[in-house]
Protein backbone atom coordinates (compact mmCIF):
# COMPACT_ATOMS: atom_id res chain seq x y z
CA MET A 1 -11.20 24.09 -11.33
CA PHE A 2 -9.39 23.92 -8.38
CA ASN A 3 -7.53 25.72 -5.81
CA LEU A 4 -4.71 24.78 -3.90
CA LEU A 5 -3.22 25.71 -0.90
CA ILE A 6 0.31 24.66 0.60
CA TYR A 7 1.30 24.61 4.48
CA ARG A 8 5.19 24.34 4.78
CA ASN A 9 7.81 23.43 7.17
CA MET A 10 5.66 21.39 9.66
CA GLU A 11 8.12 19.17 11.81
CA ALA A 12 6.42 16.88 14.43
CA LEU A 13 7.14 13.94 16.99
CA VAL A 14 5.51 11.04 15.94
CA LEU A 15 5.33 7.06 15.91
CA ILE A 16 5.16 5.11 12.79
CA LYS A 17 2.22 2.60 13.15
CA GLU A 18 2.71 1.45 9.61
CA VAL A 19 4.98 1.23 6.35
CA GLY A 20 3.89 0.81 2.91
CA ALA A 21 5.99 -0.57 0.04
CA TYR A 22 7.68 1.83 -2.35
CA SER A 23 6.04 1.94 -5.64
CA GLU A 24 6.71 3.70 -9.14
CA ARG A 25 3.71 4.34 -11.00
CA GLN A 26 3.96 5.15 -14.89
CA TYR A 27 2.12 8.25 -16.12
CA GLN A 28 2.38 10.50 -19.30
CA ARG A 29 2.91 14.18 -18.84
CA GLN A 30 1.36 16.80 -21.18
CA ASP A 31 4.12 17.14 -23.46
CA GLY A 32 3.60 13.29 -24.24
CA THR A 33 6.96 12.39 -22.11
CA THR A 34 6.91 9.30 -19.73
CA GLU A 35 7.16 10.03 -16.31
CA TYR A 36 7.15 7.84 -12.86
CA PHE A 37 5.24 9.17 -9.52
CA LYS A 38 7.70 7.47 -7.11
CA SER A 39 6.22 6.79 -3.31
CA ARG A 40 6.48 5.05 -0.14
CA GLY A 41 3.49 5.79 2.17
CA VAL A 42 3.08 5.44 6.41
CA VAL A 43 0.77 5.78 8.72
CA LEU A 44 1.73 8.38 11.80
CA LYS A 45 0.24 9.05 15.01
CA HIS A 46 1.09 11.91 16.80
CA GLY A 47 -0.85 12.64 20.32
CA GLY A 48 -4.42 10.88 19.64
CA ASP A 49 -4.38 11.57 15.80
CA GLU A 50 -3.21 9.30 12.85
CA VAL A 51 -2.36 10.58 9.48
CA TYR A 52 -1.45 9.00 6.21
CA GLY A 53 1.49 10.69 4.32
CA GLU A 54 3.83 10.03 1.49
CA LEU A 55 7.35 10.16 0.83
CA THR A 56 7.62 11.09 -3.09
CA GLY A 57 10.21 11.67 -5.63
CA GLU A 58 13.49 11.43 -4.74
CA TYR A 59 13.26 10.98 -1.58
CA ALA A 60 10.82 8.29 -1.85
CA SER A 61 13.39 6.59 -4.19
CA LYS A 62 16.34 6.87 -1.88
CA GLN A 63 14.11 5.54 1.23
CA ARG A 64 12.93 2.65 -0.85
CA ASP A 65 14.96 -0.20 1.16
CA THR A 66 14.78 1.77 4.52
CA GLN A 67 13.83 -0.24 7.34
CA PHE A 68 11.09 2.21 9.44
CA PHE A 69 10.32 0.46 12.92
CA GLU A 70 6.89 0.61 13.73
CA ASN A 71 5.81 2.13 17.63
CA GLN A 72 9.22 4.05 17.27
CA PRO A 73 9.51 7.62 17.74
CA TYR A 74 10.67 9.50 14.64
CA VAL A 75 10.54 13.21 13.39
CA ALA A 76 8.54 14.01 10.92
CA LYS A 77 9.32 16.57 8.36
CA GLY A 78 6.90 17.74 5.54
CA PHE A 79 3.92 20.04 4.28
CA TRP A 80 0.48 19.77 3.90
CA LYS A 81 -1.48 20.65 0.24
CA HIS A 82 -5.27 21.48 0.46
CA ARG A 83 -7.29 21.65 -2.62
CA THR A 84 -10.87 22.29 -3.84
CA TRP A 85 -12.62 20.96 -6.70
CA GLN A 86 -15.90 20.88 -8.40
CA ASP A 87 -16.91 17.07 -9.17
CA GLN A 88 -19.04 16.22 -11.53
CA ASN A 89 -22.25 16.71 -10.07
CA GLY A 90 -21.43 20.55 -9.06
CA GLN A 91 -20.55 19.70 -5.41
CA THR A 92 -17.26 21.37 -4.46
CA ARG A 93 -15.13 18.81 -2.78
CA HIS A 94 -11.68 18.91 -0.68
CA GLU A 95 -8.75 16.99 -0.14
CA ASN A 96 -5.84 17.37 2.12
CA ALA A 97 -2.20 15.26 1.47
CA LEU A 98 0.26 15.22 3.83
CA TYR A 99 3.87 14.64 2.12
CA ILE A 100 6.93 13.86 3.89
CA THR A 101 10.33 15.44 3.27
CA ASP A 102 12.12 13.93 6.03
CA LEU A 103 11.89 11.12 8.48
CA GLN A 104 14.60 10.46 11.12
CA ALA A 105 14.63 7.81 14.05
CA LEU A 106 15.07 9.47 17.50
């Protein structure tokens, strides 16, 4: 069992510290069909904070060959997801994830 909170419509001025390669990972949906999870990760700096975020789905696919420049200012738009779950030892665990929906150079 897990809970999921979604914080939408975040926008921030950031610097890109690191850019990952585009990837597609195959998985089986519950109905048995094959699907692909598409993503491209970036490390962003906002003030004194650094955070890892991912471009996902069709947006990641469209940006697969885009050259993002490190230490250049960008406007990042996206949303945070938080989930809690119980691990195999009964401990409550937490995870935050940043999903980037738009990343534009200034």
